[in-house]
N, C-alpha and C. Protein backbone atom coordinates (compact mmCIF):
# COMPACT_ATOMS: atom_id res chain seq x y z
N MET A 1 21.22 -18.89 -2.42
CA MET A 1 20.72 -18.67 -1.53
C MET A 1 20.18 -17.48 -1.46
N LYS A 2 19.24 -17.61 -0.70
CA LYS A 2 18.52 -16.34 -0.86
C LYS A 2 18.94 -15.06 0.25
N LYS A 3 18.98 -13.70 -0.08
CA LYS A 3 19.41 -12.56 0.50
C LYS A 3 18.64 -12.51 2.06
N GLN A 4 19.21 -12.87 3.06
CA GLN A 4 18.47 -12.25 4.66
C GLN A 4 18.05 -10.97 4.84
N LEU A 5 16.79 -10.53 4.81
CA LEU A 5 16.65 -9.07 4.65
C LEU A 5 16.47 -8.55 6.07
N PRO A 6 16.54 -7.50 6.68
CA PRO A 6 16.61 -6.80 8.22
C PRO A 6 15.29 -7.09 8.70
N PRO A 7 15.15 -6.90 10.32
CA PRO A 7 13.44 -6.74 10.50
C PRO A 7 12.81 -5.76 10.13
N ALA A 8 11.40 -6.26 9.96
CA ALA A 8 10.73 -4.95 9.56
C ALA A 8 11.02 -3.64 10.69
N ARG A 9 10.34 -2.45 10.32
CA ARG A 9 10.49 -1.52 11.26
C ARG A 9 9.59 -0.24 10.67
N THR A 10 9.43 0.64 11.11
CA THR A 10 8.64 1.74 11.45
C THR A 10 9.43 3.08 11.49
N VAL A 11 9.56 4.10 10.78
CA VAL A 11 10.32 4.83 11.06
C VAL A 11 9.40 6.39 10.89
N SER A 12 10.07 7.42 11.38
CA SER A 12 9.58 8.74 11.13
C SER A 12 9.76 9.44 9.76
N SER A 13 8.87 10.10 8.99
CA SER A 13 9.30 10.35 7.86
C SER A 13 9.83 11.76 7.73
N SER A 14 10.25 12.39 6.57
CA SER A 14 10.72 13.69 6.76
C SER A 14 9.72 14.77 6.96
N THR A 15 8.41 14.68 7.10
CA THR A 15 7.58 15.70 8.03
C THR A 15 7.30 15.65 9.36
N GLY A 16 7.99 14.12 9.86
CA GLY A 16 7.86 14.09 10.80
C GLY A 16 6.29 12.47 11.74
N ASN A 17 6.05 12.68 10.41
CA ASN A 17 5.10 11.39 10.54
C ASN A 17 5.27 10.14 10.84
N GLU A 18 5.15 9.63 11.96
CA GLU A 18 5.53 8.20 12.48
C GLU A 18 4.66 6.68 11.81
N GLY A 19 5.56 6.25 11.44
CA GLY A 19 4.86 5.10 10.75
C GLY A 19 4.56 4.05 11.47
N ILE A 20 3.03 3.52 11.46
CA ILE A 20 2.13 2.55 12.12
C ILE A 20 1.72 1.49 11.38
N PHE A 21 1.44 0.26 12.24
CA PHE A 21 0.59 -1.02 11.46
C PHE A 21 -0.26 -1.36 12.99
N ILE A 22 -1.54 -1.43 12.59
CA ILE A 22 -2.34 -2.28 13.27
C ILE A 22 -2.71 -3.28 13.00
N ASN A 23 -2.89 -4.62 13.80
CA ASN A 23 -3.39 -5.57 13.29
C ASN A 23 -3.22 -6.38 12.08
N SER A 24 -2.07 -6.14 11.94
CA SER A 24 -1.44 -6.69 10.50
C SER A 24 -0.25 -7.54 10.62
N ILE A 25 0.10 -8.38 9.43
CA ILE A 25 1.32 -8.94 9.35
C ILE A 25 2.22 -8.63 8.69
N ILE A 26 3.54 -8.39 8.95
CA ILE A 26 4.36 -7.54 8.52
C ILE A 26 5.45 -8.47 8.14
N SER A 27 6.15 -8.85 7.11
CA SER A 27 7.41 -9.35 6.79
C SER A 27 8.80 -8.60 7.20
N ASN A 28 9.61 -9.47 7.07
CA ASN A 28 11.28 -8.91 7.07
C ASN A 28 11.32 -8.22 5.71
N GLY A 29 12.17 -6.84 6.31
CA GLY A 29 12.29 -5.86 5.18
C GLY A 29 11.63 -4.75 4.92
N VAL A 30 10.26 -4.89 5.68
CA VAL A 30 9.32 -3.81 5.44
C VAL A 30 9.54 -2.64 6.08
N ILE A 31 9.40 -1.64 5.41
CA ILE A 31 9.60 -0.28 5.93
C ILE A 31 8.34 0.83 5.82
N ILE A 32 7.82 1.02 7.03
CA ILE A 32 6.66 1.96 7.03
C ILE A 32 7.23 3.24 7.36
N SER A 33 7.28 4.22 6.41
CA SER A 33 8.24 5.47 6.61
C SER A 33 6.85 6.38 6.50
N GLY A 34 6.52 6.77 7.71
CA GLY A 34 4.96 7.89 7.95
C GLY A 34 4.01 7.41 7.55
N GLY A 35 4.00 6.08 6.76
CA GLY A 35 2.35 5.87 6.53
C GLY A 35 1.79 4.85 7.65
N SER A 36 0.24 4.58 7.33
CA SER A 36 -0.43 3.86 8.51
C SER A 36 -0.57 2.21 7.38
N VAL A 37 -0.64 1.33 7.94
CA VAL A 37 -1.05 -0.13 7.58
C VAL A 37 -2.08 -0.79 8.56
N HIS A 38 -3.16 -1.10 8.20
CA HIS A 38 -4.36 -1.81 8.91
C HIS A 38 -5.03 -2.82 8.50
N ASN A 39 -4.93 -4.03 9.67
CA ASN A 39 -5.71 -5.31 8.87
C ASN A 39 -5.12 -5.55 7.46
N SER A 40 -3.98 -6.03 7.03
CA SER A 40 -3.15 -6.09 5.72
C SER A 40 -2.15 -7.13 5.98
N ILE A 41 -1.45 -7.69 5.18
CA ILE A 41 -0.55 -8.43 5.06
C ILE A 41 0.43 -8.13 4.25
N LEU A 42 2.00 -7.72 4.36
CA LEU A 42 2.92 -7.04 3.72
C LEU A 42 3.95 -8.22 3.76
N SER A 43 4.17 -8.34 2.45
CA SER A 43 4.93 -9.14 2.00
C SER A 43 6.54 -8.94 2.35
N PRO A 44 7.71 -9.89 2.09
CA PRO A 44 9.15 -9.04 2.21
C PRO A 44 9.60 -8.14 1.06
N ASP A 45 10.46 -6.61 1.72
CA ASP A 45 10.53 -5.82 1.07
C ASP A 45 9.98 -4.79 0.78
N VAL A 46 8.78 -4.91 1.32
CA VAL A 46 7.66 -3.70 0.72
C VAL A 46 7.83 -2.37 1.55
N HIS A 47 7.65 -1.07 0.83
CA HIS A 47 7.85 0.35 1.53
C HIS A 47 7.05 0.87 1.25
N ILE A 48 6.49 1.33 2.56
CA ILE A 48 5.27 2.63 2.50
C ILE A 48 5.68 4.03 2.89
N ASP A 49 5.33 4.24 1.82
CA ASP A 49 5.97 6.08 2.15
C ASP A 49 4.93 6.91 2.81
N ASP A 50 5.62 8.08 3.57
CA ASP A 50 4.74 9.17 3.78
C ASP A 50 3.59 9.47 3.51
N ASP A 51 2.38 9.55 4.49
CA ASP A 51 0.80 9.79 4.36
C ASP A 51 0.08 8.59 3.41
N ALA A 52 0.65 7.64 3.31
CA ALA A 52 0.36 6.70 2.26
C ALA A 52 -0.41 5.79 3.45
N THR A 53 -1.89 5.12 3.09
CA THR A 53 -2.38 4.48 3.88
C THR A 53 -2.73 3.31 3.14
N VAL A 54 -2.92 2.13 3.78
CA VAL A 54 -2.96 0.56 2.97
C VAL A 54 -4.05 0.08 4.24
N ALA A 55 -5.26 -0.34 3.68
CA ALA A 55 -6.10 -1.15 4.44
C ALA A 55 -6.90 -2.17 4.15
N ASN A 56 -6.64 -3.43 4.94
CA ASN A 56 -7.40 -4.42 4.48
C ASN A 56 -7.00 -5.17 3.12
N SER A 57 -5.28 -5.25 3.00
CA SER A 57 -5.29 -5.58 1.37
C SER A 57 -3.99 -6.16 1.94
N ILE A 58 -3.41 -6.89 0.74
CA ILE A 58 -2.34 -7.81 0.79
C ILE A 58 -1.12 -7.28 -0.07
N LEU A 59 -0.14 -7.27 0.02
CA LEU A 59 1.23 -6.67 -1.02
C LEU A 59 2.03 -7.59 -0.59
N PHE A 60 2.42 -8.18 -1.71
CA PHE A 60 3.35 -8.94 -2.33
C PHE A 60 4.76 -8.72 -1.96
N ASP A 61 6.00 -9.24 -2.42
CA ASP A 61 7.27 -8.96 -2.54
C ASP A 61 7.68 -8.00 -3.44
N HIS A 62 8.31 -7.09 -2.72
CA HIS A 62 9.29 -5.37 -3.63
C HIS A 62 8.04 -4.62 -4.01
N VAL A 63 6.92 -4.17 -3.47
CA VAL A 63 6.07 -3.42 -3.53
C VAL A 63 6.45 -2.08 -3.16
N GLN A 64 6.27 -0.79 -3.69
CA GLN A 64 6.42 0.43 -3.23
C GLN A 64 4.98 1.33 -3.21
N VAL A 65 4.58 1.64 -2.41
CA VAL A 65 3.36 2.41 -2.52
C VAL A 65 3.79 4.17 -1.87
N GLY A 66 3.72 4.72 -2.89
CA GLY A 66 4.30 5.79 -2.92
C GLY A 66 3.40 7.18 -1.78
N LYS A 67 3.88 8.48 -1.49
CA LYS A 67 3.40 8.99 -0.66
C LYS A 67 2.13 9.61 -0.86
N GLY A 68 1.25 9.26 -0.13
CA GLY A 68 -0.13 10.04 -0.08
C GLY A 68 -1.25 9.02 -0.61
N CYS A 69 -0.44 7.65 -1.19
CA CYS A 69 -1.47 6.67 -1.72
C CYS A 69 -2.49 6.43 -0.74
N LYS A 70 -3.70 5.70 -1.10
CA LYS A 70 -4.76 5.23 -0.33
C LYS A 70 -4.89 4.18 -0.79
N LEU A 71 -4.74 2.94 -0.49
CA LEU A 71 -4.90 1.43 -0.80
C LEU A 71 -6.17 0.71 0.28
N HIS A 72 -6.95 0.20 -0.33
CA HIS A 72 -8.30 -0.29 0.36
C HIS A 72 -8.75 -1.37 -0.18
N ASN A 73 -8.64 -2.49 0.22
CA ASN A 73 -9.24 -3.54 -0.19
C ASN A 73 -8.49 -4.08 -1.27
N CYS A 74 -6.96 -4.56 -1.52
CA CYS A 74 -6.40 -4.65 -2.54
C CYS A 74 -5.59 -5.67 -2.57
N ILE A 75 -5.30 -6.14 -3.62
CA ILE A 75 -4.19 -7.42 -4.16
C ILE A 75 -3.05 -6.63 -4.83
N ILE A 76 -2.24 -6.46 -4.23
CA ILE A 76 -1.19 -5.93 -5.16
C ILE A 76 0.33 -6.86 -5.61
N ASP A 77 0.26 -7.47 -6.65
CA ASP A 77 1.53 -8.27 -7.01
C ASP A 77 2.67 -7.55 -6.97
N LYS A 78 3.77 -8.87 -7.07
CA LYS A 78 4.78 -8.54 -7.04
C LYS A 78 5.58 -7.47 -7.63
N HIS A 79 6.81 -6.56 -7.46
CA HIS A 79 7.42 -5.42 -8.15
C HIS A 79 6.85 -4.63 -8.42
N VAL A 80 5.36 -3.97 -7.91
CA VAL A 80 4.64 -3.14 -8.49
C VAL A 80 5.03 -1.80 -7.53
N LYS A 81 5.18 -0.63 -8.34
CA LYS A 81 5.35 0.23 -7.85
C LYS A 81 3.91 1.56 -7.87
N VAL A 82 3.55 1.82 -6.97
CA VAL A 82 2.33 2.56 -6.80
C VAL A 82 2.75 4.12 -6.60
N PRO A 83 2.35 4.90 -7.64
CA PRO A 83 2.67 6.33 -7.67
C PRO A 83 2.11 6.93 -6.90
N ALA A 84 2.60 8.21 -6.37
CA ALA A 84 2.42 9.20 -5.01
C ALA A 84 0.99 9.37 -5.40
N GLU A 85 0.31 9.79 -4.33
CA GLU A 85 -0.95 10.32 -4.27
C GLU A 85 -2.15 9.52 -5.19
N GLN A 86 -2.09 8.09 -5.51
CA GLN A 86 -3.06 7.58 -6.25
C GLN A 86 -4.18 6.75 -5.28
N LYS A 87 -5.07 6.67 -5.35
CA LYS A 87 -6.20 5.61 -4.36
C LYS A 87 -6.84 4.75 -5.57
N LEU A 88 -6.71 3.60 -4.71
CA LEU A 88 -7.04 2.14 -5.55
C LEU A 88 -8.02 1.51 -4.26
N ALA A 89 -9.06 0.99 -4.77
CA ALA A 89 -9.95 0.30 -3.56
C ALA A 89 -10.84 -0.80 -4.41
N LEU A 90 -11.24 -1.50 -3.91
CA LEU A 90 -12.21 -2.75 -4.41
C LEU A 90 -13.61 -2.29 -4.08
N ILE A 91 -14.36 -2.05 -5.09
CA ILE A 91 -15.49 -1.56 -4.95
C ILE A 91 -16.52 -2.59 -3.79
N ARG A 92 -17.24 -1.48 -2.98
CA ARG A 92 -18.09 -2.20 -1.96
C ARG A 92 -19.47 -1.06 -2.37
N SER A 93 -20.60 -1.68 -2.01
CA SER A 93 -22.10 -0.98 -2.01
C SER A 93 -21.95 0.16 -1.25
N LYS A 94 -21.54 0.37 -0.25
CA LYS A 94 -21.55 1.70 0.57
C LYS A 94 -20.45 2.78 0.23
N MET A 95 -19.58 2.40 -0.57
CA MET A 95 -18.65 3.30 -1.60
C MET A 95 -19.00 3.65 -2.72
N GLN A 96 -20.17 3.42 -3.16
CA GLN A 96 -20.55 3.63 -4.41
C GLN A 96 -20.49 5.17 -5.12
N SER A 97 -21.25 5.76 -3.80
CA SER A 97 -20.95 7.37 -4.37
C SER A 97 -19.70 8.02 -4.51
N VAL A 98 -18.69 7.38 -3.63
CA VAL A 98 -17.35 7.82 -3.60
C VAL A 98 -16.38 7.69 -5.09
N LEU A 99 -16.71 6.05 -5.41
CA LEU A 99 -15.73 5.84 -6.30
C LEU A 99 -16.60 5.62 -7.96
N PRO A 100 -15.88 6.29 -8.72
CA PRO A 100 -16.91 6.46 -10.27
C PRO A 100 -17.13 4.84 -11.14
N PHE A 101 -16.52 3.68 -10.45
CA PHE A 101 -17.18 2.73 -11.03
C PHE A 101 -18.06 1.78 -10.21
N PRO A 102 -19.52 2.14 -10.21
CA PRO A 102 -20.01 1.33 -8.84
C PRO A 102 -20.29 -0.17 -9.40
N ASN A 103 -20.05 -0.06 -10.46
CA ASN A 103 -21.03 -1.67 -10.69
C ASN A 103 -20.26 -2.77 -9.95
N ARG A 104 -18.62 -3.24 -10.34
CA ARG A 104 -17.99 -4.44 -9.89
C ARG A 104 -16.52 -3.92 -9.95
N GLY A 105 -15.55 -4.89 -9.22
CA GLY A 105 -14.44 -5.14 -9.72
C GLY A 105 -13.30 -4.05 -9.09
N LEU A 106 -12.67 -3.77 -9.78
CA LEU A 106 -11.42 -2.86 -9.49
C LEU A 106 -11.71 -1.67 -9.45
N SER A 107 -11.56 -0.44 -9.06
CA SER A 107 -12.03 0.77 -9.10
C SER A 107 -10.70 1.85 -9.01
N LEU A 108 -10.46 2.82 -9.56
CA LEU A 108 -9.37 3.53 -9.56
C LEU A 108 -10.09 5.11 -9.38
N SER A 109 -9.05 5.75 -8.94
CA SER A 109 -9.84 7.63 -8.55
C SER A 109 -9.79 7.88 -9.90
N GLN A 110 -10.34 8.94 -9.62
CA GLN A 110 -10.86 9.51 -10.60
C GLN A 110 -9.49 9.99 -11.67
N GLN A 111 -8.49 10.31 -10.72
CA GLN A 111 -7.24 10.51 -11.69
C GLN A 111 -6.96 9.23 -12.16
N SER A 112 -5.97 9.24 -13.03
CA SER A 112 -5.71 7.68 -13.84
C SER A 112 -4.59 7.23 -12.88
N ILE A 113 -4.26 5.93 -13.18
CA ILE A 113 -3.03 5.42 -11.95
C ILE A 113 -2.26 4.65 -12.94
N SER A 114 -1.01 4.60 -12.74
CA SER A 114 -0.18 3.85 -13.74
C SER A 114 0.81 3.11 -12.95
N LEU A 115 0.57 1.90 -12.70
CA LEU A 115 1.22 0.70 -12.47
C LEU A 115 2.42 0.39 -12.86
N GLN A 116 3.61 0.86 -12.35
CA GLN A 116 4.90 0.17 -13.19
C GLN A 116 5.34 -0.88 -12.78
N SER A 117 6.14 -1.92 -13.22
CA SER A 117 6.95 -3.03 -12.98
C SER A 117 8.23 -2.14 -12.57
N LYS A 118 8.93 -2.75 -10.88
CA LYS A 118 10.26 -1.91 -10.98
C LYS A 118 11.49 -2.80 -11.72
N LYS A 119 11.16 -3.91 -12.33
CA LYS A 119 12.17 -4.69 -13.11
C LYS A 119 12.74 -3.72 -14.34
């Protein structure tokens, strides 16, 4: 029998930022703590930390997005922890001057990113 999760909620972070979501589908167990979510789908038990932004993305079960992360046009698989202050985006032609890999596919910010399984 599956564990039933509490309803999704937005809470203030320790810095006082309010969690928000706009035009998104949010599942049970999601906690948005001072971050913002726009035009995205969040599966059960996803945690969005303070000052993190998720836009036009899909996050599967048990994902943790660290403080200050920026995710745009991403699909993040189950049990992934995105460390604090990371930027991850799918390339679009308008973004070529911003992101270091303008040709195609998935791009990382100038800092390296390490996505770790929580298992």
